[in-house]
Amino acid sequence: MSRWEKAMPVAELPENTLANRKMGGRNILLARVEGQIYALLNDCPHLGCLLHKGLLRGHTVTCPCHDWIFDLRTGEFTAAPEITIPVFPVKVEGGEIYVDLEEV
């Protein structure tokens, strides 16, 4: 069952930016790249650093603490794809971004 929750207005997430939203008791990373919006758990699995403070390059985000690089589309750590961050479905309705926080 879906648990769609409003994250933020689309207008507040410009192209090629990252944002953090506290949703469902978790930090959720929102990113907008090439018009597509992505939502992932905003905690690096290495030491829990907040990824929204990292560097966005194309469809990847680099952890600000130890330079681990994750693909926004899949949540995979690029150096070891078996390590992943949960990715959540996103939809846009009425100018608002919604994230389905049901466990993936």
C-alpha atoms as a PDB file:
ATOM      1  CA  MET A   1       0.000   0.000   0.000  1.00  0.00           C
ATOM      2  CA  SER A   2       1.311   3.449  -0.906  1.00  0.00           C
ATOM      3  CA  ARG A   3       2.036   6.176   1.612  1.00  0.00           C
ATOM      4  CA  TRP A   4       2.324   9.260  -0.587  1.00  0.00           C
ATOM      5  CA  GLU A   5       3.493  12.260   1.410  1.00  0.00           C
ATOM      6  CA  LYS A   6       3.935  15.833   0.206  1.00  0.00           C
ATOM      7  CA  ALA A   7       7.619  16.738   0.164  1.00  0.00           C
ATOM      8  CA  MET A   8       7.805  20.256  -1.268  1.00  0.00           C
ATOM      9  CA  PRO A   9       6.712  22.467  -4.153  1.00  0.00           C
ATOM     10  CA  VAL A  10       8.443  21.667  -7.455  1.00  0.00           C
ATOM     11  CA  ALA A  11       9.395  25.357  -7.758  1.00  0.00           C
ATOM     12  CA  GLU A  12      11.585  25.023  -4.630  1.00  0.00           C
ATOM     13  CA  LEU A  13      13.738  22.304  -6.231  1.00  0.00           C
ATOM     14  CA  PRO A  14      15.516  23.924  -9.188  1.00  0.00           C
ATOM     15  CA  GLU A  15      17.262  21.852 -11.847  1.00  0.00           C
ATOM     16  CA  ASN A  16      20.569  20.266 -10.711  1.00  0.00           C
ATOM     17  CA  THR A  17      19.977  20.739  -6.993  1.00  0.00           C
ATOM     18  CA  LEU A  18      19.700  18.568  -3.898  1.00  0.00           C
ATOM     19  CA  ALA A  19      17.398  19.053  -0.915  1.00  0.00           C
ATOM     20  CA  ASN A  20      16.700  17.333   2.385  1.00  0.00           C
ATOM     21  CA  ARG A  21      13.193  16.805   3.736  1.00  0.00           C
ATOM     22  CA  LYS A  22      12.301  15.112   7.010  1.00  0.00           C
ATOM     23  CA  MET A  23       9.499  12.702   6.071  1.00  0.00           C
ATOM     24  CA  GLY A  24       8.106   9.769   7.990  1.00  0.00           C
ATOM     25  CA  GLY A  25      10.826  10.157  10.613  1.00  0.00           C
ATOM     26  CA  ARG A  26      13.600   9.841   8.008  1.00  0.00           C
ATOM     27  CA  ASN A  27      15.803  12.224   6.073  1.00  0.00           C
ATOM     28  CA  ILE A  28      14.860  12.031   2.397  1.00  0.00           C
ATOM     29  CA  LEU A  29      17.166  13.300  -0.341  1.00  0.00           C
ATOM     30  CA  LEU A  30      15.375  14.985  -3.234  1.00  0.00           C
ATOM     31  CA  ALA A  31      17.254  15.697  -6.449  1.00  0.00           C
ATOM     32  CA  ARG A  32      16.239  17.186  -9.773  1.00  0.00           C
ATOM     33  CA  VAL A  33      18.277  16.203 -12.816  1.00  0.00           C
ATOM     34  CA  GLU A  34      17.257  16.643 -16.464  1.00  0.00           C
ATOM     35  CA  GLY A  35      13.710  17.435 -15.357  1.00  0.00           C
ATOM     36  CA  GLN A  36      13.367  14.169 -13.415  1.00  0.00           C
ATOM     37  CA  ILE A  37      12.935  14.178  -9.626  1.00  0.00           C
ATOM     38  CA  TYR A  38      14.493  11.453  -7.497  1.00  0.00           C
ATOM     39  CA  ALA A  39      13.985  10.541  -3.832  1.00  0.00           C
ATOM     40  CA  LEU A  40      16.402   8.439  -1.799  1.00  0.00           C
ATOM     41  CA  LEU A  41      17.193   7.881   1.844  1.00  0.00           C
ATOM     42  CA  ASN A  42      19.510  10.790   2.676  1.00  0.00           C
ATOM     43  CA  ASP A  43      21.931   8.794   4.834  1.00  0.00           C
ATOM     44  CA  CYS A  44      25.157   7.356   3.450  1.00  0.00           C
ATOM     45  CA  PRO A  45      25.361   3.687   4.536  1.00  0.00           C
ATOM     46  CA  HIS A  46      29.045   4.136   5.410  1.00  0.00           C
ATOM     47  CA  LEU A  47      28.751   6.520   8.378  1.00  0.00           C
ATOM     48  CA  GLY A  48      25.335   8.121   7.965  1.00  0.00           C
ATOM     49  CA  CYS A  49      26.487  11.425   6.476  1.00  0.00           C
ATOM     50  CA  LEU A  50      23.747  13.493   4.852  1.00  0.00           C
ATOM     51  CA  LEU A  51      24.102  13.152   1.095  1.00  0.00           C
ATOM     52  CA  HIS A  52      22.308  16.408   0.233  1.00  0.00           C
ATOM     53  CA  LYS A  53      25.444  18.210   1.441  1.00  0.00           C
ATOM     54  CA  GLY A  54      27.484  16.363  -1.178  1.00  0.00           C
ATOM     55  CA  LEU A  55      28.343  17.046  -4.801  1.00  0.00           C
ATOM     56  CA  LEU A  56      25.782  16.454  -7.548  1.00  0.00           C
ATOM     57  CA  ARG A  57      27.242  15.438 -10.929  1.00  0.00           C
ATOM     58  CA  GLY A  58      24.757  14.290 -13.521  1.00  0.00           C
ATOM     59  CA  HIS A  59      22.824  11.384 -12.014  1.00  0.00           C
ATOM     60  CA  THR A  60      25.280  10.823  -9.162  1.00  0.00           C
ATOM     61  CA  VAL A  61      25.789  12.316  -5.731  1.00  0.00           C
ATOM     62  CA  THR A  62      29.109  12.140  -3.884  1.00  0.00           C
ATOM     63  CA  CYS A  63      29.010  11.748  -0.111  1.00  0.00           C
ATOM     64  CA  PRO A  64      30.562  14.817   1.562  1.00  0.00           C
ATOM     65  CA  CYS A  65      32.315  12.711   4.209  1.00  0.00           C
ATOM     66  CA  HIS A  66      34.192   9.976   2.345  1.00  0.00           C
ATOM     67  CA  ASP A  67      33.558  10.508  -1.383  1.00  0.00           C
ATOM     68  CA  TRP A  68      31.332   7.469  -1.890  1.00  0.00           C
ATOM     69  CA  ILE A  69      29.387   7.994  -5.133  1.00  0.00           C
ATOM     70  CA  PHE A  70      25.745   6.897  -5.492  1.00  0.00           C
ATOM     71  CA  ASP A  71      23.510   6.711  -8.567  1.00  0.00           C
ATOM     72  CA  LEU A  72      20.311   8.687  -7.923  1.00  0.00           C
ATOM     73  CA  ARG A  73      18.308   6.412 -10.239  1.00  0.00           C
ATOM     74  CA  THR A  74      19.121   3.131  -8.481  1.00  0.00           C
ATOM     75  CA  GLY A  75      20.634   4.052  -5.120  1.00  0.00           C
ATOM     76  CA  GLU A  76      23.712   1.945  -5.961  1.00  0.00           C
ATOM     77  CA  PHE A  77      27.181   2.759  -4.658  1.00  0.00           C
ATOM     78  CA  THR A  78      29.079   2.972  -7.948  1.00  0.00           C
ATOM     79  CA  ALA A  79      32.202   1.189  -6.647  1.00  0.00           C
ATOM     80  CA  ALA A  80      30.228  -1.698  -5.122  1.00  0.00           C
ATOM     81  CA  PRO A  81      26.677  -2.015  -6.545  1.00  0.00           C
ATOM     82  CA  GLU A  82      25.708  -4.523  -3.851  1.00  0.00           C
ATOM     83  CA  ILE A  83      25.641  -1.564  -1.424  1.00  0.00           C
ATOM     84  CA  THR A  84      22.504   0.474  -2.013  1.00  0.00           C
ATOM     85  CA  ILE A  85      20.443   3.287  -0.558  1.00  0.00           C
ATOM     86  CA  PRO A  86      16.643   2.896  -0.642  1.00  0.00           C
ATOM     87  CA  VAL A  87      15.020   4.734  -3.558  1.00  0.00           C
ATOM     88  CA  PHE A  88      11.404   5.907  -3.302  1.00  0.00           C
ATOM     89  CA  PRO A  89       8.812   6.505  -6.037  1.00  0.00           C
ATOM     90  CA  VAL A  90       8.065  10.164  -6.821  1.00  0.00           C
ATOM     91  CA  LYS A  91       5.106  11.888  -8.461  1.00  0.00           C
ATOM     92  CA  VAL A  92       4.260  15.521  -9.150  1.00  0.00           C
ATOM     93  CA  GLU A  93       0.686  16.745  -8.804  1.00  0.00           C
ATOM     94  CA  GLY A  94      -0.591  20.309  -8.639  1.00  0.00           C
ATOM     95  CA  GLY A  95       2.942  21.695  -8.550  1.00  0.00           C
ATOM     96  CA  GLU A  96       3.855  19.594  -5.482  1.00  0.00           C
ATOM     97  CA  ILE A  97       6.366  16.749  -5.155  1.00  0.00           C
ATOM     98  CA  TYR A  98       5.030  13.615  -3.455  1.00  0.00           C
ATOM     99  CA  VAL A  99       7.140  10.682  -2.264  1.00  0.00           C
ATOM    100  CA  ASP A 100       5.846   7.171  -1.617  1.00  0.00           C
ATOM    101  CA  LEU A 101       7.507   6.279   1.677  1.00  0.00           C
ATOM    102  CA  GLU A 102       6.292   2.694   1.698  1.00  0.00           C
ATOM    103  CA  GLU A 103       9.323   0.455   2.099  1.00  0.00           C
ATOM    104  CA  VAL A 104      10.864  -0.384  -1.238  1.00  0.00           C
END
